[in-house]
Amino acid sequence: QVQLVESGGGLVQPGGSLRLSCAASGFIFSTKDMSWYRQAPGKERELVAHITRDGIKIYPDSMKGRFTISRDNAKNTVFLQMNNLKADDTAVYYCDAANEYWGQGTQVVVSS
């Protein structure tokens, strides 16, 4: 059974940092490209970061500079380091495996 379980979300003040994790199981993690998406209330889901199975990292222009994606194939986990968070980063963050599998998401709230 495929599972993607996100964790690490929560409430953080503007300018703060969070590190999200996504633990994968039920498929061969090292063979899949992985991505982080987010969806804010009333908005469409948008790509935050993408990492290929070879470790190549891709970011939309709007996400460059404050977000860093990484993966640990030995632990079947993909990470998203988020720095200098802003109120507009408030959203549910989802982990995606090659557009085949999705996690349930983890809530991030940036507020003072």
PDB file of N, CA and C in Angstrom:
ATOM      1  N   GLN A   1       0.840  -1.185   0.000  1.00  0.00           N
ATOM      2  CA  GLN A   1       0.000   0.000   0.000  1.00  0.00           C
ATOM      3  C   GLN A   1       0.885   1.249   0.000  1.00  0.00           C
ATOM      4  N   VAL A   2       0.625   2.127  -0.962  1.00  0.00           N
ATOM      5  CA  VAL A   2       1.418   3.347  -1.061  1.00  0.00           C
ATOM      6  C   VAL A   2       0.992   4.338   0.004  1.00  0.00           C
ATOM      7  N   GLN A   3       1.983   4.901   0.664  1.00  0.00           N
ATOM      8  CA  GLN A   3       1.711   5.960   1.635  1.00  0.00           C
ATOM      9  C   GLN A   3       2.732   7.072   1.498  1.00  0.00           C
ATOM     10  N   LEU A   4       2.237   8.296   1.577  1.00  0.00           N
ATOM     11  CA  LEU A   4       3.072   9.486   1.684  1.00  0.00           C
ATOM     12  C   LEU A   4       2.565  10.248   2.895  1.00  0.00           C
ATOM     13  N   VAL A   5       3.415  10.391   3.895  1.00  0.00           N
ATOM     14  CA  VAL A   5       2.994  11.007   5.144  1.00  0.00           C
ATOM     15  C   VAL A   5       3.840  12.245   5.402  1.00  0.00           C
ATOM     16  N   GLU A   6       3.192  13.390   5.291  1.00  0.00           N
ATOM     17  CA  GLU A   6       3.872  14.657   5.536  1.00  0.00           C
ATOM     18  C   GLU A   6       3.845  14.998   7.024  1.00  0.00           C
ATOM     19  N   SER A   7       4.879  15.704   7.456  1.00  0.00           N
ATOM     20  CA  SER A   7       4.955  16.193   8.829  1.00  0.00           C
ATOM     21  C   SER A   7       5.823  17.438   8.874  1.00  0.00           C
ATOM     22  N   GLY A   8       5.776  18.121  10.001  1.00  0.00           N
ATOM     23  CA  GLY A   8       6.628  19.283  10.194  1.00  0.00           C
ATOM     24  C   GLY A   8       5.931  20.619  10.066  1.00  0.00           C
ATOM     25  N   GLY A   9       4.675  20.605   9.691  1.00  0.00           N
ATOM     26  CA  GLY A   9       3.944  21.858   9.586  1.00  0.00           C
ATOM     27  C   GLY A   9       3.600  22.411  10.957  1.00  0.00           C
ATOM     28  N   GLY A  10       3.036  23.607  10.949  1.00  0.00           N
ATOM     29  CA  GLY A  10       2.659  24.223  12.205  1.00  0.00           C
ATOM     30  C   GLY A  10       2.544  25.722  12.068  1.00  0.00           C
ATOM     31  N   LEU A  11       2.499  26.381  13.206  1.00  0.00           N
ATOM     32  CA  LEU A  11       2.397  27.835  13.269  1.00  0.00           C
ATOM     33  C   LEU A  11       3.791  28.426  13.449  1.00  0.00           C
ATOM     34  N   VAL A  12       4.126  29.384  12.617  1.00  0.00           N
ATOM     35  CA  VAL A  12       5.437  30.023  12.702  1.00  0.00           C
ATOM     36  C   VAL A  12       5.261  31.521  12.463  1.00  0.00           C
ATOM     37  N   GLN A  13       6.112  32.301  13.072  1.00  0.00           N
ATOM     38  CA  GLN A  13       6.057  33.745  12.892  1.00  0.00           C
ATOM     39  C   GLN A  13       6.691  34.147  11.563  1.00  0.00           C
ATOM     40  N   PRO A  14       6.272  35.264  11.012  1.00  0.00           N
ATOM     41  CA  PRO A  14       6.935  35.765   9.786  1.00  0.00           C
ATOM     42  C   PRO A  14       8.440  35.883  10.007  1.00  0.00           C
ATOM     43  N   GLY A  15       9.184  35.449   9.009  1.00  0.00           N
ATOM     44  CA  GLY A  15      10.634  35.424   9.102  1.00  0.00           C
ATOM     45  C   GLY A  15      11.196  34.133   9.651  1.00  0.00           C
ATOM     46  N   GLY A  16      10.338  33.280  10.148  1.00  0.00           N
ATOM     47  CA  GLY A  16      10.784  32.014  10.724  1.00  0.00           C
ATOM     48  C   GLY A  16      11.015  30.941   9.677  1.00  0.00           C
ATOM     49  N   SER A  17      11.379  29.762  10.165  1.00  0.00           N
ATOM     50  CA  SER A  17      11.700  28.636   9.284  1.00  0.00           C
ATOM     51  C   SER A  17      10.956  27.388   9.729  1.00  0.00           C
ATOM     52  N   LEU A  18      10.728  26.525   8.770  1.00  0.00           N
ATOM     53  CA  LEU A  18      10.175  25.201   9.048  1.00  0.00           C
ATOM     54  C   LEU A  18      10.833  24.206   8.101  1.00  0.00           C
ATOM     55  N   ARG A  19      10.903  22.982   8.557  1.00  0.00           N
ATOM     56  CA  ARG A  19      11.383  21.898   7.700  1.00  0.00           C
ATOM     57  C   ARG A  19      10.297  20.827   7.633  1.00  0.00           C
ATOM     58  N   LEU A  20       9.776  20.648   6.448  1.00  0.00           N
ATOM     59  CA  LEU A  20       8.758  19.627   6.231  1.00  0.00           C
ATOM     60  C   LEU A  20       9.413  18.318   5.803  1.00  0.00           C
ATOM     61  N   SER A  21       8.785  17.230   6.215  1.00  0.00           N
ATOM     62  CA  SER A  21       9.250  15.905   5.814  1.00  0.00           C
ATOM     63  C   SER A  21       8.109  15.138   5.182  1.00  0.00           C
ATOM     64  N   CYS A  22       8.441  14.253   4.279  1.00  0.00           N
ATOM     65  CA  CYS A  22       7.452  13.372   3.666  1.00  0.00           C
ATOM     66  C   CYS A  22       8.049  11.976   3.623  1.00  0.00           C
ATOM     67  N   ALA A  23       7.484  11.094   4.425  1.00  0.00           N
ATOM     68  CA  ALA A  23       7.961   9.715   4.491  1.00  0.00           C
ATOM     69  C   ALA A  23       7.149   8.856   3.534  1.00  0.00           C
ATOM     70  N   ALA A  24       7.841   8.163   2.655  1.00  0.00           N
ATOM     71  CA  ALA A  24       7.184   7.368   1.616  1.00  0.00           C
ATOM     72  C   ALA A  24       7.329   5.876   1.889  1.00  0.00           C
ATOM     73  N   SER A  25       6.324   5.128   1.482  1.00  0.00           N
ATOM     74  CA  SER A  25       6.375   3.672   1.583  1.00  0.00           C
ATOM     75  C   SER A  25       5.455   3.073   0.532  1.00  0.00           C
ATOM     76  N   GLY A  26       5.705   1.816   0.208  1.00  0.00           N
ATOM     77  CA  GLY A  26       4.833   1.108  -0.713  1.00  0.00           C
ATOM     78  C   GLY A  26       5.254   1.182  -2.172  1.00  0.00           C
ATOM     79  N   PHE A  27       6.342   1.861  -2.444  1.00  0.00           N
ATOM     80  CA  PHE A  27       6.872   1.913  -3.801  1.00  0.00           C
ATOM     81  C   PHE A  27       8.381   2.143  -3.710  1.00  0.00           C
ATOM     82  N   ILE A  28       9.047   2.000  -4.849  1.00  0.00           N
ATOM     83  CA  ILE A  28      10.504   2.147  -4.851  1.00  0.00           C
ATOM     84  C   ILE A  28      10.829   3.638  -4.935  1.00  0.00           C
ATOM     85  N   PHE A  29      11.061   4.225  -3.786  1.00  0.00           N
ATOM     86  CA  PHE A  29      11.219   5.671  -3.652  1.00  0.00           C
ATOM     87  C   PHE A  29      12.311   6.215  -4.563  1.00  0.00           C
ATOM     88  N   SER A  30      13.422   5.527  -4.638  1.00  0.00           N
ATOM     89  CA  SER A  30      14.582   6.055  -5.368  1.00  0.00           C
ATOM     90  C   SER A  30      14.341   6.174  -6.864  1.00  0.00           C
ATOM     91  N   THR A  31      13.308   5.565  -7.366  1.00  0.00           N
ATOM     92  CA  THR A  31      13.018   5.606  -8.805  1.00  0.00           C
ATOM     93  C   THR A  31      12.039   6.711  -9.186  1.00  0.00           C
ATOM     94  N   LYS A  32      11.546   7.435  -8.198  1.00  0.00           N
ATOM     95  CA  LYS A  32      10.503   8.430  -8.455  1.00  0.00           C
ATOM     96  C   LYS A  32      10.997   9.858  -8.291  1.00  0.00           C
ATOM     97  N   ASP A  33      10.602  10.708  -9.222  1.00  0.00           N
ATOM     98  CA  ASP A  33      10.732  12.139  -8.992  1.00  0.00           C
ATOM     99  C   ASP A  33       9.748  12.523  -7.887  1.00  0.00           C
ATOM    100  N   MET A  34      10.126  13.472  -7.059  1.00  0.00           N
ATOM    101  CA  MET A  34       9.289  13.891  -5.950  1.00  0.00           C
ATOM    102  C   MET A  34       9.076  15.401  -5.999  1.00  0.00           C
ATOM    103  N   SER A  35       7.930  15.830  -5.510  1.00  0.00           N
ATOM    104  CA  SER A  35       7.618  17.257  -5.532  1.00  0.00           C
ATOM    105  C   SER A  35       6.896  17.668  -4.250  1.00  0.00           C
ATOM    106  N   TRP A  36       6.977  18.941  -3.981  1.00  0.00           N
ATOM    107  CA  TRP A  36       6.146  19.571  -2.963  1.00  0.00           C
ATOM    108  C   TRP A  36       5.237  20.581  -3.667  1.00  0.00           C
ATOM    109  N   TYR A  37       3.972  20.518  -3.319  1.00  0.00           N
ATOM    110  CA  TYR A  37       2.988  21.482  -3.780  1.00  0.00           C
ATOM    111  C   TYR A  37       2.374  22.144  -2.551  1.00  0.00           C
ATOM    112  N   ARG A  38       1.683  23.221  -2.794  1.00  0.00           N
ATOM    113  CA  ARG A  38       0.926  23.837  -1.718  1.00  0.00           C
ATOM    114  C   ARG A  38      -0.393  24.381  -2.251  1.00  0.00           C
ATOM    115  N   GLN A  39      -1.357  24.480  -1.359  1.00  0.00           N
ATOM    116  CA  GLN A  39      -2.645  25.053  -1.719  1.00  0.00           C
ATOM    117  C   GLN A  39      -3.133  25.939  -0.584  1.00  0.00           C
ATOM    118  N   ALA A  40      -3.258  27.210  -0.909  1.00  0.00           N
ATOM    119  CA  ALA A  40      -3.771  28.172   0.055  1.00  0.00           C
ATOM    120  C   ALA A  40      -5.295  28.253  -0.074  1.00  0.00           C
ATOM    121  N   PRO A  41      -5.968  28.718   0.969  1.00  0.00           N
ATOM    122  CA  PRO A  41      -7.435  28.824   0.903  1.00  0.00           C
ATOM    123  C   PRO A  41      -7.885  29.658  -0.285  1.00  0.00           C
ATOM    124  N   GLY A  42      -8.793  29.119  -1.062  1.00  0.00           N
ATOM    125  CA  GLY A  42      -9.331  29.842  -2.196  1.00  0.00           C
ATOM    126  C   GLY A  42      -8.426  29.923  -3.407  1.00  0.00           C
ATOM    127  N   LYS A  43      -7.306  29.235  -3.366  1.00  0.00           N
ATOM    128  CA  LYS A  43      -6.356  29.282  -4.481  1.00  0.00           C
ATOM    129  C   LYS A  43      -6.112  27.883  -5.026  1.00  0.00           C
ATOM    130  N   GLU A  44      -5.563  27.851  -6.230  1.00  0.00           N
ATOM    131  CA  GLU A  44      -5.231  26.576  -6.846  1.00  0.00           C
ATOM    132  C   GLU A  44      -3.938  26.013  -6.245  1.00  0.00           C
ATOM    133  N   ARG A  45      -3.799  24.715  -6.374  1.00  0.00           N
ATOM    134  CA  ARG A  45      -2.572  24.078  -5.922  1.00  0.00           C
ATOM    135  C   ARG A  45      -1.422  24.530  -6.818  1.00  0.00           C
ATOM    136  N   GLU A  46      -0.271  24.831  -6.221  1.00  0.00           N
ATOM    137  CA  GLU A  46       0.878  25.289  -6.998  1.00  0.00           C
ATOM    138  C   GLU A  46       2.129  24.527  -6.600  1.00  0.00           C
ATOM    139  N   LEU A  47       3.005  24.382  -7.562  1.00  0.00           N
ATOM    140  CA  LEU A  47       4.267  23.688  -7.337  1.00  0.00           C
ATOM    141  C   LEU A  47       5.202  24.566  -6.511  1.00  0.00           C
ATOM    142  N   VAL A  48       5.815  23.966  -5.517  1.00  0.00           N
ATOM    143  CA  VAL A  48       6.797  24.663  -4.695  1.00  0.00           C
ATOM    144  C   VAL A  48       8.213  24.246  -5.085  1.00  0.00           C
ATOM    145  N   ALA A  49       8.422  22.958  -5.237  1.00  0.00           N
ATOM    146  CA  ALA A  49       9.767  22.458  -5.550  1.00  0.00           C
ATOM    147  C   ALA A  49       9.665  21.041  -6.077  1.00  0.00           C
ATOM    148  N   HIS A  50      10.659  20.670  -6.873  1.00  0.00           N
ATOM    149  CA  HIS A  50      10.682  19.358  -7.511  1.00  0.00           C
ATOM    150  C   HIS A  50      12.101  18.832  -7.453  1.00  0.00           C
ATOM    151  N   ILE A  51      12.231  17.540  -7.196  1.00  0.00           N
ATOM    152  CA  ILE A  51      13.550  16.925  -7.220  1.00  0.00           C
ATOM    153  C   ILE A  51      13.450  15.620  -7.999  1.00  0.00           C
ATOM    154  N   THR A  52      14.342  15.463  -8.970  1.00  0.00           N
ATOM    155  CA  THR A  52      14.297  14.252  -9.780  1.00  0.00           C
ATOM    156  C   THR A  52      14.894  13.077  -9.003  1.00  0.00           C
ATOM    157  N   ARG A  53      14.739  11.913  -9.541  1.00  0.00           N
ATOM    158  CA  ARG A  53      15.291  10.727  -8.880  1.00  0.00           C
ATOM    159  C   ARG A  53      16.821  10.786  -8.856  1.00  0.00           C
ATOM    160  N   ASP A  54      17.394  11.600  -9.746  1.00  0.00           N
ATOM    161  CA  ASP A  54      18.845  11.777  -9.771  1.00  0.00           C
ATOM    162  C   ASP A  54      19.310  12.936  -8.900  1.00  0.00           C
ATOM    163  N   GLY A  55      18.369  13.599  -8.236  1.00  0.00           N
ATOM    164  CA  GLY A  55      18.736  14.671  -7.331  1.00  0.00           C
ATOM    165  C   GLY A  55      18.779  16.056  -7.936  1.00  0.00           C
ATOM    166  N   ILE A  56      18.308  16.211  -9.165  1.00  0.00           N
ATOM    167  CA  ILE A  56      18.267  17.532  -9.780  1.00  0.00           C
ATOM    168  C   ILE A  56      17.081  18.300  -9.200  1.00  0.00           C
ATOM    169  N   LYS A  57      17.338  19.512  -8.780  1.00  0.00           N
ATOM    170  CA  LYS A  57      16.317  20.311  -8.112  1.00  0.00           C
ATOM    171  C   LYS A  57      15.776  21.387  -9.052  1.00  0.00           C
ATOM    172  N   ILE A  58      14.476  21.539  -9.047  1.00  0.00           N
ATOM    173  CA  ILE A  58      13.822  22.514  -9.912  1.00  0.00           C
ATOM    174  C   ILE A  58      12.830  23.313  -9.076  1.00  0.00           C
ATOM    175  N   TYR A  59      12.876  24.621  -9.246  1.00  0.00           N
ATOM    176  CA  TYR A  59      11.972  25.509  -8.514  1.00  0.00           C
ATOM    177  C   TYR A  59      11.296  26.468  -9.487  1.00  0.00           C
ATOM    178  N   PRO A  60      10.034  26.716  -9.303  1.00  0.00           N
ATOM    179  CA  PRO A  60       9.402  27.814 -10.051  1.00  0.00           C
ATOM    180  C   PRO A  60      10.092  29.128  -9.659  1.00  0.00           C
ATOM    181  N   ASP A  61      10.098  30.081 -10.551  1.00  0.00           N
ATOM    182  CA  ASP A  61      10.783  31.345 -10.269  1.00  0.00           C
ATOM    183  C   ASP A  61      10.278  31.979  -8.975  1.00  0.00           C
ATOM    184  N   SER A  62       8.995  31.858  -8.725  1.00  0.00           N
ATOM    185  CA  SER A  62       8.406  32.496  -7.544  1.00  0.00           C
ATOM    186  C   SER A  62       8.836  31.842  -6.243  1.00  0.00           C
ATOM    187  N   MET A  63       9.430  30.647  -6.319  1.00  0.00           N
ATOM    188  CA  MET A  63       9.824  29.906  -5.116  1.00  0.00           C
ATOM    189  C   MET A  63      11.333  29.889  -4.891  1.00  0.00           C
ATOM    190  N   LYS A  64      12.068  30.440  -5.832  1.00  0.00           N
ATOM    191  CA  LYS A  64      13.524  30.398  -5.705  1.00  0.00           C
ATOM    192  C   LYS A  64      14.011  31.272  -4.567  1.00  0.00           C
ATOM    193  N   GLY A  65      14.983  30.764  -3.831  1.00  0.00           N
ATOM    194  CA  GLY A  65      15.656  31.573  -2.820  1.00  0.00           C
ATOM    195  C   GLY A  65      15.295  31.237  -1.390  1.00  0.00           C
ATOM    196  N   ARG A  66      14.036  30.870  -1.115  1.00  0.00           N
ATOM    197  CA  ARG A  66      13.624  30.630   0.264  1.00  0.00           C
ATOM    198  C   ARG A  66      13.286  29.171   0.541  1.00  0.00           C
ATOM    199  N   PHE A  67      13.141  28.379  -0.499  1.00  0.00           N
ATOM    200  CA  PHE A  67      12.753  26.979  -0.338  1.00  0.00           C
ATOM    201  C   PHE A  67      13.862  26.077  -0.880  1.00  0.00           C
ATOM    202  N   THR A  68      14.116  25.002  -0.158  1.00  0.00           N
ATOM    203  CA  THR A  68      15.115  24.030  -0.591  1.00  0.00           C
ATOM    204  C   THR A  68      14.556  22.629  -0.440  1.00  0.00           C
ATOM    205  N   ILE A  69      14.543  21.913  -1.541  1.00  0.00           N
ATOM    206  CA  ILE A  69      14.078  20.525  -1.507  1.00  0.00           C
ATOM    207  C   ILE A  69      15.287  19.599  -1.451  1.00  0.00           C
ATOM    208  N   SER A  70      15.132  18.504  -0.756  1.00  0.00           N
ATOM    209  CA  SER A  70      16.187  17.499  -0.702  1.00  0.00           C
ATOM    210  C   SER A  70      15.549  16.129  -0.481  1.00  0.00           C
ATOM    211  N   ARG A  71      16.328  15.101  -0.670  1.00  0.00           N
ATOM    212  CA  ARG A  71      15.803  13.752  -0.473  1.00  0.00           C
ATOM    213  C   ARG A  71      16.869  12.855   0.137  1.00  0.00           C
ATOM    214  N   ASP A  72      16.400  11.873   0.870  1.00  0.00           N
ATOM    215  CA  ASP A  72      17.268  10.864   1.457  1.00  0.00           C
ATOM    216  C   ASP A  72      16.709   9.513   1.018  1.00  0.00           C
ATOM    217  N   ASN A  73      17.294   8.949  -0.001  1.00  0.00           N
ATOM    218  CA  ASN A  73      16.768   7.695  -0.536  1.00  0.00           C
ATOM    219  C   ASN A  73      16.908   6.536   0.449  1.00  0.00           C
ATOM    220  N   ALA A  74      17.888   6.615   1.319  1.00  0.00           N
ATOM    221  CA  ALA A  74      18.063   5.557   2.314  1.00  0.00           C
ATOM    222  C   ALA A  74      16.920   5.549   3.322  1.00  0.00           C
ATOM    223  N   LYS A  75      16.321   6.715   3.529  1.00  0.00           N
ATOM    224  CA  LYS A  75      15.221   6.838   4.481  1.00  0.00           C
ATOM    225  C   LYS A  75      13.866   7.002   3.797  1.00  0.00           C
ATOM    226  N   ASN A  76      13.862   6.926   2.457  1.00  0.00           N
ATOM    227  CA  ASN A  76      12.607   7.090   1.708  1.00  0.00           C
ATOM    228  C   ASN A  76      11.867   8.365   2.100  1.00  0.00           C
ATOM    229  N   THR A  77      12.614   9.428   2.202  1.00  0.00           N
ATOM    230  CA  THR A  77      12.046  10.687   2.685  1.00  0.00           C
ATOM    231  C   THR A  77      12.482  11.854   1.817  1.00  0.00           C
ATOM    232  N   VAL A  78      11.554  12.751   1.583  1.00  0.00           N
ATOM    233  CA  VAL A  78      11.858  14.004   0.901  1.00  0.00           C
ATOM    234  C   VAL A  78      11.556  15.142   1.872  1.00  0.00           C
ATOM    235  N   PHE A  79      12.379  16.172   1.798  1.00  0.00           N
ATOM    236  CA  PHE A  79      12.300  17.289   2.733  1.00  0.00           C
ATOM    237  C   PHE A  79      12.045  18.598   1.986  1.00  0.00           C
ATOM    238  N   LEU A  80      11.486  19.549   2.722  1.00  0.00           N
ATOM    239  CA  LEU A  80      11.357  20.908   2.203  1.00  0.00           C
ATOM    240  C   LEU A  80      11.760  21.868   3.322  1.00  0.00           C
ATOM    241  N   GLN A  81      12.901  22.500   3.139  1.00  0.00           N
ATOM    242  CA  GLN A  81      13.349  23.531   4.084  1.00  0.00           C
ATOM    243  C   GLN A  81      12.783  24.864   3.632  1.00  0.00           C
ATOM    244  N   MET A  82      12.095  25.548   4.523  1.00  0.00           N
ATOM    245  CA  MET A  82      11.457  26.814   4.200  1.00  0.00           C
ATOM    246  C   MET A  82      11.997  27.881   5.141  1.00  0.00           C
ATOM    247  N   ASN A  83      12.574  28.913   4.570  1.00  0.00           N
ATOM    248  CA  ASN A  83      13.171  29.990   5.364  1.00  0.00           C
ATOM    249  C   ASN A  83      12.496  31.319   5.075  1.00  0.00           C
ATOM    250  N   ASN A  84      12.673  32.260   6.002  1.00  0.00           N
ATOM    251  CA  ASN A  84      12.117  33.602   5.842  1.00  0.00           C
ATOM    252  C   ASN A  84      10.646  33.547   5.418  1.00  0.00           C
ATOM    253  N   LEU A  85       9.891  32.804   6.168  1.00  0.00           N
ATOM    254  CA  LEU A  85       8.491  32.573   5.801  1.00  0.00           C
ATOM    255  C   LEU A  85       7.669  33.850   5.894  1.00  0.00           C
ATOM    256  N   LYS A  86       6.691  33.934   4.998  1.00  0.00           N
ATOM    257  CA  LYS A  86       5.815  35.086   4.918  1.00  0.00           C
ATOM    258  C   LYS A  86       4.365  34.638   5.073  1.00  0.00           C
ATOM    259  N   ALA A  87       3.516  35.580   5.360  1.00  0.00           N
ATOM    260  CA  ALA A  87       2.099  35.259   5.538  1.00  0.00           C
ATOM    261  C   ALA A  87       1.531  34.566   4.296  1.00  0.00           C
ATOM    262  N   ASP A  88       2.000  34.955   3.128  1.00  0.00           N
ATOM    263  CA  ASP A  88       1.518  34.357   1.876  1.00  0.00           C
ATOM    264  C   ASP A  88       1.928  32.899   1.708  1.00  0.00           C
ATOM    265  N   ASP A  89       2.823  32.440   2.560  1.00  0.00           N
ATOM    266  CA  ASP A  89       3.228  31.023   2.505  1.00  0.00           C
ATOM    267  C   ASP A  89       2.247  30.136   3.258  1.00  0.00           C
ATOM    268  N   THR A  90       1.292  30.732   3.912  1.00  0.00           N
ATOM    269  CA  THR A  90       0.278  29.953   4.620  1.00  0.00           C
ATOM    270  C   THR A  90      -0.499  29.091   3.632  1.00  0.00           C
ATOM    271  N   ALA A  91      -0.489  27.788   3.875  1.00  0.00           N
ATOM    272  CA  ALA A  91      -1.124  26.852   2.950  1.00  0.00           C
ATOM    273  C   ALA A  91      -1.016  25.445   3.522  1.00  0.00           C
ATOM    274  N   VAL A  92      -1.705  24.533   2.864  1.00  0.00           N
ATOM    275  CA  VAL A  92      -1.469  23.111   3.113  1.00  0.00           C
ATOM    276  C   VAL A  92      -0.415  22.657   2.112  1.00  0.00           C
ATOM    277  N   TYR A  93       0.617  22.020   2.619  1.00  0.00           N
ATOM    278  CA  TYR A  93       1.724  21.567   1.786  1.00  0.00           C
ATOM    279  C   TYR A  93       1.611  20.059   1.572  1.00  0.00           C
ATOM    280  N   TYR A  94       1.689  19.687   0.298  1.00  0.00           N
ATOM    281  CA  TYR A  94       1.505  18.293  -0.084  1.00  0.00           C
ATOM    282  C   TYR A  94       2.765  17.727  -0.724  1.00  0.00           C
ATOM    283  N   CYS A  95       2.979  16.480  -0.461  1.00  0.00           N
ATOM    284  CA  CYS A  95       4.061  15.734  -1.075  1.00  0.00           C
ATOM    285  C   CYS A  95       3.495  14.929  -2.244  1.00  0.00           C
ATOM    286  N   ASP A  96       4.238  14.876  -3.331  1.00  0.00           N
ATOM    287  CA  ASP A  96       3.776  14.180  -4.527  1.00  0.00           C
ATOM    288  C   ASP A  96       4.873  13.289  -5.060  1.00  0.00           C
ATOM    289  N   ALA A  97       4.498  12.097  -5.492  1.00  0.00           N
ATOM    290  CA  ALA A  97       5.457  11.170  -6.085  1.00  0.00           C
ATOM    291  C   ALA A  97       5.104  10.984  -7.548  1.00  0.00           C
ATOM    292  N   ALA A  98       5.860  11.632  -8.403  1.00  0.00           N
ATOM    293  CA  ALA A  98       5.758  11.457  -9.852  1.00  0.00           C
ATOM    294  C   ALA A  98       4.345  11.644 -10.377  1.00  0.00           C
ATOM    295  N   ASN A  99       3.579  12.508  -9.727  1.00  0.00           N
ATOM    296  CA  ASN A  99       2.186  12.742 -10.118  1.00  0.00           C
ATOM    297  C   ASN A  99       1.345  11.470 -10.092  1.00  0.00           C
ATOM    298  N   GLU A 100       1.794  10.509  -9.339  1.00  0.00           N
ATOM    299  CA  GLU A 100       1.041   9.254  -9.200  1.00  0.00           C
ATOM    300  C   GLU A 100       0.413   9.123  -7.825  1.00  0.00           C
ATOM    301  N   TYR A 101       1.123   9.605  -6.812  1.00  0.00           N
ATOM    302  CA  TYR A 101       0.653   9.450  -5.436  1.00  0.00           C
ATOM    303  C   TYR A 101       0.753  10.791  -4.709  1.00  0.00           C
ATOM    304  N   TRP A 102      -0.193  10.996  -3.809  1.00  0.00           N
ATOM    305  CA  TRP A 102      -0.226  12.241  -3.036  1.00  0.00           C
ATOM    306  C   TRP A 102      -0.371  11.918  -1.556  1.00  0.00           C
ATOM    307  N   GLY A 103       0.211  12.796  -0.728  1.00  0.00           N
ATOM    308  CA  GLY A 103      -0.019  12.690   0.689  1.00  0.00           C
ATOM    309  C   GLY A 103      -1.263  13.467   1.096  1.00  0.00           C
ATOM    310  N   GLN A 104      -1.554  13.452   2.389  1.00  0.00           N
ATOM    311  CA  GLN A 104      -2.728  14.145   2.919  1.00  0.00           C
ATOM    312  C   GLN A 104      -2.448  15.606   3.226  1.00  0.00           C
ATOM    313  N   GLY A 105      -1.193  15.971   3.255  1.00  0.00           N
ATOM    314  CA  GLY A 105      -0.837  17.357   3.461  1.00  0.00           C
ATOM    315  C   GLY A 105      -0.527  17.688   4.906  1.00  0.00           C
ATOM    316  N   THR A 106       0.225  18.765   5.078  1.00  0.00           N
ATOM    317  CA  THR A 106       0.528  19.298   6.401  1.00  0.00           C
ATOM    318  C   THR A 106       0.312  20.805   6.360  1.00  0.00           C
ATOM    319  N   GLN A 107      -0.365  21.313   7.372  1.00  0.00           N
ATOM    320  CA  GLN A 107      -0.758  22.723   7.398  1.00  0.00           C
ATOM    321  C   GLN A 107       0.403  23.589   7.881  1.00  0.00           C
ATOM    322  N   VAL A 108       0.647  24.658   7.154  1.00  0.00           N
ATOM    323  CA  VAL A 108       1.624  25.670   7.569  1.00  0.00           C
ATOM    324  C   VAL A 108       0.888  26.996   7.701  1.00  0.00           C
ATOM    325  N   VAL A 109       1.018  27.595   8.869  1.00  0.00           N
ATOM    326  CA  VAL A 109       0.414  28.906   9.120  1.00  0.00           C
ATOM    327  C   VAL A 109       1.508  29.872   9.531  1.00  0.00           C
ATOM    328  N   VAL A 110       1.637  30.933   8.773  1.00  0.00           N
ATOM    329  CA  VAL A 110       2.627  31.967   9.073  1.00  0.00           C
ATOM    330  C   VAL A 110       1.884  33.194   9.572  1.00  0.00           C
ATOM    331  N   SER A 111       2.046  33.458  10.854  1.00  0.00           N
ATOM    332  CA  SER A 111       1.291  34.548  11.464  1.00  0.00           C
ATOM    333  C   SER A 111       1.970  34.998  12.746  1.00  0.00           C
ATOM    334  N   SER A 112       1.830  36.281  13.023  1.00  0.00           N
ATOM    335  CA  SER A 112       2.359  36.803  14.276  1.00  0.00           C
ATOM    336  C   SER A 112       1.290  36.815  15.352  1.00  0.00           C
TER     337      SER A 112
END
